Structure formats: C-alpha cells, structure tokens
Amino acid sequence: MKNTIRISLTALLLILMATSVDAQSKNWHSKHRPPWPMNDSATWGPMKCSMDDFSMNDFPFCKNRKRFNGHWAGVEIGIGGYVTPDFNMNFYPAYPYVNLNTARSLTVNLNPFEINANLCKNHFGFTTGIGFQINNYYFTDNYVMLKDSSALVAYQVQDANGNPVSIKVNKMVTSYLNIPLLFEYQTNPFRRVSSFHVALGVIAGVRIGTYTKQIYHDKDVTYYLVDDNGKKVASYEVDHYVVQQRGAYHLAPFKLDAAFRIGWSHLNLYATYSLTEMFQKNQGPELYPFTVGITLLGW
C-alpha cells in the first residue's frame, strides 16, 4: 500500500513539472515570436513585408526611382594625358618639356549635382549639371616653363658646373569648371543597382586656375636656365625646396571634350577626349588632352 501511494505521488509530481515547463515554453515563444512566418522559408521577401519599420528605400543606393536619373554627380578619379594630332605621346625632339609620367598624372573630378530630363519612358534621357576638374601633369624631364613669354618656352635647369639638375617633382596643375551635356540610356530606370547604362555627349569647360610646381633636392642654391644650344639664358635662386608659380602658361581659356561613360549598377567608367587644343593657337604645341577613369562615389 505504501509503495502504491509513493508511485502515485511521484507520477503526479512528474505531470505537474511537465505542465509547468510546457507553459513556460509557450509563454517565452509568445514573447519572442519573430515577425515573419516560421513555417515559411526564411526568405528576404516575407521578412521585408512583415517588418513594418523597415524598407529597402531606407538604403540610399537601393531606392526605387520614379524618374530618369543620370550618372554625372559624384567623385571620380582617373589618369590624364595628351596626344598630338597623330595620337602620339612621344614629343621628342620638338617639345621635350611636355613629356609626361602618365602613371602619376592623376585627374580628380568633383561633380556636386546634376539635372536630368526624361526623353523616352525613363530609359533614355538628358543629363547636365556642374563639375570641377583638377589635372596633375607630371613631367619627366628637368625643364622649367616661363609664364611671361610671348609664346610657351621652357629651359633645362643646370647647376653652376653645367650638370643637369634632378628635380624631385616637376608638374603643372590645371583646374576647370565643367558643364556636361550628356545623353544616356539605361536598361532599368527604376532600380540603379540592377541597371546597365551608357552615355555619350560633350563636356564644356572654362579654365579657372593654373600653376607649375617644382620640388628640388637642395635649397639656397643658384640654378641656370639653358637653351637647346647649351647657352645660359638666365639664373635664379632657390630659397625653398618647393617653388610654385601661378600663371596662364598660354593655355586655352575654354575647352570642349567628347565624353563617353559606361557602367553597371554603381560601377561607372568614363573617358574624355578634347576636341579643342590644350594651348592657344600658335602659342604652344598642338596637344589634345584625354582622361580615363572610374567613379569612386556617385549619387
């Protein structure tokens, strides 16, 4: 009899414990139930639809677009240079002072905003805006250009012993204010992240600044400017390692570039080729600048 009572009490205790654990489990699941259906596969779609406070439009680069949006505004970096009318980049022997270190000649574009116009079903449109361009042309030889001559001239730099002077940095920096006139086609006008785009047009620019910069290895030294015949035409003192001079250097005040842009999603590649000469007519070598680059950040 005692064993029967003991077995009955043990069984009743186990039933009460199981009921308590089941109730606590249900209570925990009701408090921590996820907002999407658990009997479905955990796909992004039901999660997005069931989370009332979340939207893909919260991400600026994933927004659905309701109108045509071109690919101009943003920050770009590229490589710049120039060629002769025969597309030659070797300027010896006529103009050795413009030979470039192309790998170091970087171009930076800052395009703060754009204006778009839809031309056909949001697939084809027109884009304009404003941009700022900075070109760094790194020269390979130790020539110094003069800014106050009637035409562009440059002289080689030598020391007092007649030895060529090694210049650490020798470059020209030009800056432009640009206005694009671009026609662009897009495959997906509503979602940039899954759209292919291609654009053609021109970019008009006005030059807003120019300077040359040399960085020497030594200072407090007298250097000499020597012409092609080896004759010393002038001398100058270098009081600092860095010598920077602003001037027009006979560059053309305006330019017009043919532009081509292509990309997928937020990847955008661009190329430009100038339809106008870099220098003013008969005041410098006949050169036509070009740039090739990529968009680092677009908006």
Protein backbone atom coordinates (compact mmCIF):
# COMPACT_ATOMS: atom_id res chain seq x y z
CA MET A 1 0.00 0.00 0.00
CA LYS A 2 2.79 2.42 0.88
CA ASN A 3 4.57 1.62 -2.41
CA THR A 4 1.39 2.31 -4.37
CA ILE A 5 0.94 5.71 -2.70
CA ARG A 6 4.61 6.56 -3.29
CA ILE A 7 4.38 5.67 -7.01
CA SER A 8 1.17 7.69 -7.40
CA LEU A 9 2.68 10.79 -5.78
CA THR A 10 5.82 10.52 -7.94
CA ALA A 11 3.75 10.27 -11.13
CA LEU A 12 1.60 13.28 -10.10
CA LEU A 13 4.74 15.32 -9.39
CA LEU A 14 6.20 14.50 -12.83
CA ILE A 15 2.94 15.51 -14.57
CA LEU A 16 2.89 18.87 -12.74
CA MET A 17 6.53 19.55 -13.64
CA ALA A 18 5.94 18.75 -17.34
CA THR A 19 2.88 21.02 -17.42
CA SER A 20 4.85 23.88 -15.86
CA VAL A 21 7.72 23.56 -18.34
CA ASP A 22 5.32 23.48 -21.31
CA ALA A 23 3.53 26.62 -20.07
CA GLN A 24 6.81 28.49 -19.61
CA SER A 25 7.92 27.45 -23.10
CA LYS A 26 4.71 28.72 -24.69
CA ASN A 27 4.96 31.97 -22.74
CA TRP A 28 8.59 32.53 -23.92
CA HIS A 29 7.72 31.82 -27.58
CA SER A 30 4.78 34.21 -27.45
CA LYS A 31 7.08 36.99 -26.20
CA HIS A 32 9.91 36.26 -28.63
CA ARG A 33 7.96 35.22 -31.74
CA PRO A 34 9.70 36.59 -34.91
CA PRO A 35 7.65 38.95 -37.10
CA TRP A 36 7.82 36.66 -40.16
CA PRO A 37 6.10 33.25 -40.64
CA MET A 38 8.32 30.49 -39.26
CA ASN A 39 6.66 27.79 -41.39
CA ASP A 40 7.92 29.59 -44.50
CA SER A 41 11.45 29.54 -45.81
CA ALA A 42 13.30 32.46 -44.21
CA THR A 43 13.50 34.47 -47.42
CA TRP A 44 14.10 38.21 -47.60
CA GLY A 45 10.67 38.85 -49.10
CA PRO A 46 8.44 37.80 -46.14
CA MET A 47 10.89 39.37 -43.70
CA LYS A 48 10.72 42.70 -45.53
CA CYS A 49 6.92 42.59 -45.81
CA SER A 50 6.34 41.72 -42.18
CA MET A 51 8.77 44.25 -40.68
CA ASP A 52 6.67 47.40 -40.71
CA ASP A 53 9.52 49.70 -39.74
CA PHE A 54 11.90 48.52 -42.47
CA SER A 55 12.06 49.34 -46.15
CA MET A 56 14.65 48.90 -48.88
CA ASN A 57 14.18 52.61 -49.53
CA ASP A 58 15.96 53.22 -46.22
CA PHE A 59 19.17 52.46 -48.14
CA PRO A 60 20.02 55.39 -50.46
CA PHE A 61 21.77 53.19 -53.03
CA CYS A 62 18.83 50.72 -53.24
CA LYS A 63 15.95 53.15 -53.63
CA ASN A 64 13.34 52.61 -56.27
CA ARG A 65 13.41 55.55 -58.63
CA LYS A 66 10.33 57.09 -60.17
CA ARG A 67 12.08 59.18 -62.81
CA PHE A 68 15.15 59.20 -65.03
CA ASN A 69 18.40 59.68 -63.09
CA GLY A 70 21.72 60.07 -64.92
CA HIS A 71 25.28 59.23 -63.91
CA TRP A 72 27.13 62.53 -63.52
CA ALA A 73 27.08 63.61 -59.87
CA GLY A 74 29.82 62.07 -57.75
CA VAL A 75 33.56 61.86 -57.13
CA GLU A 76 35.81 60.49 -59.89
CA ILE A 77 39.50 59.72 -60.29
CA GLY A 78 41.42 58.90 -63.42
CA ILE A 79 44.62 59.17 -65.43
CA GLY A 80 45.16 62.15 -67.68
CA GLY A 81 47.46 62.97 -70.55
CA TYR A 82 47.58 64.47 -74.02
CA VAL A 83 48.45 63.44 -77.56
CA THR A 84 49.47 65.07 -80.82
CA PRO A 85 47.04 65.20 -83.78
CA ASP A 86 48.58 61.84 -84.84
CA PHE A 87 47.81 60.37 -81.37
CA ASN A 88 51.49 60.28 -80.49
CA MET A 89 52.69 60.64 -76.90
CA ASN A 90 56.40 61.00 -77.69
CA PHE A 91 57.22 64.70 -78.01
CA TYR A 92 60.94 64.46 -78.76
CA PRO A 93 62.73 66.32 -80.21
CA ALA A 94 60.43 69.32 -80.75
CA TYR A 95 58.80 69.55 -77.30
CA PRO A 96 60.77 67.50 -74.74
CA TYR A 97 59.50 69.67 -71.88
CA VAL A 98 55.95 68.25 -72.13
CA ASN A 99 56.89 64.56 -71.91
CA LEU A 100 54.71 63.01 -69.22
CA ASN A 101 54.91 60.45 -66.48
CA THR A 102 51.41 59.22 -67.30
CA ALA A 103 51.14 56.87 -64.32
CA ARG A 104 51.44 59.82 -61.91
CA SER A 105 49.33 62.26 -63.91
CA LEU A 106 46.06 61.91 -62.00
CA THR A 107 42.78 63.68 -62.65
CA VAL A 108 40.19 64.30 -59.93
CA ASN A 109 36.59 65.31 -60.69
CA LEU A 110 34.11 66.59 -58.14
CA ASN A 111 30.61 66.82 -59.64
CA PRO A 112 28.31 68.16 -56.89
CA PHE A 113 24.93 67.93 -58.62
CA GLU A 114 23.13 67.10 -61.84
CA ILE A 115 19.89 67.95 -63.63
CA ASN A 116 18.03 65.21 -65.53
CA ALA A 117 15.32 65.24 -68.19
CA ASN A 118 13.41 62.15 -69.31
CA LEU A 119 13.19 61.80 -73.10
CA CYS A 120 11.72 58.32 -73.59
CA LYS A 121 9.99 56.14 -70.95
CA ASN A 122 12.69 56.82 -68.35
CA HIS A 123 15.09 54.64 -70.34
CA PHE A 124 16.60 57.46 -72.38
CA GLY A 125 17.31 60.92 -71.03
CA PHE A 126 19.45 64.02 -70.95
CA THR A 127 21.80 64.99 -68.10
CA THR A 128 23.56 68.24 -67.32
CA GLY A 129 24.95 69.80 -64.17
CA ILE A 130 28.19 71.25 -62.89
CA GLY A 131 31.60 69.86 -62.01
CA PHE A 132 35.13 70.76 -61.00
CA GLN A 133 38.16 69.11 -62.62
CA ILE A 134 41.78 69.12 -61.45
CA ASN A 135 44.54 67.75 -63.72
CA ASN A 136 48.05 66.96 -62.47
CA TYR A 137 50.54 66.68 -65.33
CA TYR A 138 53.85 65.24 -64.08
CA PHE A 139 56.77 65.94 -66.40
CA THR A 140 59.65 63.51 -66.81
CA ASP A 141 62.44 65.99 -67.63
CA ASN A 142 64.04 68.90 -65.79
CA TYR A 143 62.58 71.73 -67.85
CA VAL A 144 61.02 74.89 -66.38
CA MET A 145 58.32 76.75 -68.30
CA LEU A 146 58.20 80.55 -68.39
CA LYS A 147 54.83 82.18 -67.85
CA ASP A 148 55.57 85.70 -69.12
CA SER A 149 56.86 84.96 -72.61
CA SER A 150 55.03 85.79 -75.87
CA ALA A 151 54.73 82.05 -76.57
CA LEU A 152 55.31 78.97 -74.44
CA VAL A 153 59.03 78.31 -73.90
CA ALA A 154 60.91 76.11 -71.46
CA TYR A 155 64.56 75.80 -70.50
CA GLN A 156 66.56 73.00 -69.00
CA VAL A 157 67.86 73.50 -65.44
CA GLN A 158 71.60 73.14 -64.77
CA ASP A 159 73.86 73.84 -61.81
CA ALA A 160 76.94 76.09 -61.77
CA ASN A 161 79.09 73.25 -63.15
CA GLY A 162 76.86 72.72 -66.16
CA ASN A 163 75.32 69.48 -64.87
CA PRO A 164 71.59 68.79 -65.31
CA VAL A 165 69.68 69.30 -62.06
CA SER A 166 67.50 66.46 -60.85
CA ILE A 167 64.08 67.82 -59.88
CA LYS A 168 62.16 65.71 -57.40
CA VAL A 169 58.72 66.86 -58.60
CA ASN A 170 58.03 68.84 -61.77
CA LYS A 171 54.39 69.26 -62.67
CA MET A 172 51.65 71.54 -63.99
CA VAL A 173 48.21 71.67 -62.36
CA THR A 174 45.18 72.91 -64.28
CA SER A 175 41.63 73.30 -62.95
CA TYR A 176 38.35 73.71 -64.82
CA LEU A 177 34.71 74.42 -64.17
CA ASN A 178 32.75 71.92 -66.30
CA ILE A 179 29.20 71.69 -67.64
CA PRO A 180 28.19 68.31 -69.17
CA LEU A 181 25.70 67.78 -71.99
CA LEU A 182 25.09 64.02 -71.94
CA PHE A 183 22.53 61.68 -73.50
CA GLU A 184 22.18 58.44 -71.53
CA TYR A 185 20.40 55.11 -71.99
CA GLN A 186 19.52 52.85 -69.03
CA THR A 187 18.11 49.30 -69.06
CA ASN A 188 16.37 49.59 -65.67
CA PRO A 189 15.11 53.10 -64.95
CA PHE A 190 13.64 52.20 -61.55
CA ARG A 191 16.48 50.46 -59.69
CA ARG A 192 20.07 51.65 -60.18
CA VAL A 193 21.64 48.59 -58.54
CA SER A 194 20.46 46.35 -61.42
CA SER A 195 20.81 48.65 -64.40
CA PHE A 196 23.26 48.91 -67.29
CA HIS A 197 23.91 52.43 -68.58
CA VAL A 198 25.80 54.09 -71.41
CA ALA A 199 26.13 57.81 -72.12
CA LEU A 200 27.54 59.96 -74.92
CA GLY A 201 27.94 63.70 -75.18
CA VAL A 202 30.27 66.62 -74.63
CA ILE A 203 31.65 68.46 -71.60
CA ALA A 204 32.30 72.18 -71.88
CA GLY A 205 34.86 73.70 -69.54
CA VAL A 206 36.35 77.03 -68.57
CA ARG A 207 39.82 77.17 -67.03
CA ILE A 208 39.78 78.70 -63.54
CA GLY A 209 43.38 78.21 -62.47
CA THR A 210 46.88 77.02 -63.46
CA TYR A 211 50.22 76.73 -61.70
CA THR A 212 53.53 74.93 -62.04
CA LYS A 213 55.34 73.32 -59.13
CA GLN A 214 58.91 72.09 -58.69
CA ILE A 215 60.35 70.37 -55.64
CA TYR A 216 64.17 70.47 -55.50
CA HIS A 217 66.57 68.30 -53.54
CA ASP A 218 68.58 71.32 -52.35
CA LYS A 219 67.82 74.92 -51.39
CA ASP A 220 69.83 78.13 -51.11
CA VAL A 221 71.36 77.26 -54.47
CA THR A 222 71.71 79.20 -57.74
CA TYR A 223 70.45 77.37 -60.84
CA TYR A 224 70.77 78.29 -64.51
CA LEU A 225 68.31 78.08 -67.40
CA VAL A 226 69.93 76.67 -70.55
CA ASP A 227 68.53 76.66 -74.09
CA ASP A 228 68.81 73.89 -76.68
CA ASN A 229 72.23 75.17 -77.78
CA GLY A 230 73.65 74.91 -74.26
CA LYS A 231 73.67 78.67 -73.71
CA LYS A 232 72.80 80.02 -70.26
CA VAL A 233 69.93 82.50 -70.69
CA ALA A 234 69.06 83.22 -67.04
CA SER A 235 69.75 82.28 -63.44
CA TYR A 236 67.58 82.11 -60.34
CA GLU A 237 67.90 81.48 -56.63
CA VAL A 238 66.09 78.62 -54.91
CA ASP A 239 65.40 79.69 -51.31
CA HIS A 240 62.95 76.84 -50.57
CA TYR A 241 62.65 73.25 -51.64
CA VAL A 242 59.26 73.98 -53.21
CA VAL A 243 58.82 76.57 -55.96
CA GLN A 244 55.27 77.26 -57.15
CA GLN A 245 54.22 79.84 -59.73
CA ARG A 246 50.74 80.69 -60.92
CA GLY A 247 50.08 81.82 -64.48
CA ALA A 248 48.16 81.12 -67.67
CA TYR A 249 51.12 79.47 -69.47
CA HIS A 250 49.33 80.13 -72.78
CA LEU A 251 46.68 77.50 -72.07
CA ALA A 252 43.36 77.91 -73.87
CA PRO A 253 40.73 79.53 -71.63
CA PHE A 254 37.95 77.18 -72.81
CA LYS A 255 37.74 73.54 -73.79
CA LEU A 256 35.23 71.10 -75.25
CA ASP A 257 35.63 67.37 -74.58
CA ALA A 258 33.90 64.42 -76.21
CA ALA A 259 32.65 62.21 -73.35
CA PHE A 260 31.80 58.51 -73.07
CA ARG A 261 30.50 56.83 -69.91
CA ILE A 262 29.50 53.21 -69.34
CA GLY A 263 28.74 51.03 -66.35
CA TRP A 264 26.59 48.60 -64.41
CA SER A 265 24.86 49.42 -61.16
CA HIS A 266 27.08 51.87 -59.25
CA LEU A 267 30.18 50.97 -61.25
CA ASN A 268 30.83 53.75 -63.75
CA LEU A 269 33.77 54.13 -66.12
CA TYR A 270 34.41 57.27 -68.12
CA ALA A 271 36.67 58.60 -70.87
CA THR A 272 37.08 62.03 -72.43
CA TYR A 273 39.00 63.36 -75.41
CA SER A 274 39.38 67.07 -76.06
CA LEU A 275 38.02 68.42 -79.33
CA THR A 276 39.95 71.65 -78.76
CA GLU A 277 43.67 72.32 -78.38
CA MET A 278 45.22 72.46 -74.93
CA PHE A 279 47.24 75.62 -75.69
CA GLN A 280 46.21 78.74 -77.54
CA LYS A 281 46.72 78.73 -81.28
CA ASN A 282 50.38 79.22 -82.28
CA GLN A 283 51.40 79.81 -78.66
CA GLY A 284 52.30 76.25 -77.70
CA PRO A 285 52.49 72.69 -79.04
CA GLU A 286 49.34 71.28 -80.63
CA LEU A 287 48.15 68.85 -77.97
CA TYR A 288 44.76 67.31 -77.20
CA PRO A 289 44.12 66.19 -73.58
CA PHE A 290 42.37 62.94 -72.62
CA THR A 291 41.27 61.26 -69.39
CA VAL A 292 40.28 57.70 -68.45
CA GLY A 293 38.89 56.89 -65.02
CA ILE A 294 36.31 55.49 -62.64
CA THR A 295 33.62 56.90 -60.37
CA LEU A 296 34.55 56.37 -56.71
CA LEU A 297 31.23 57.56 -55.30
CA GLY A 298 28.10 58.50 -57.22
CA TRP A 299 24.80 59.97 -56.09
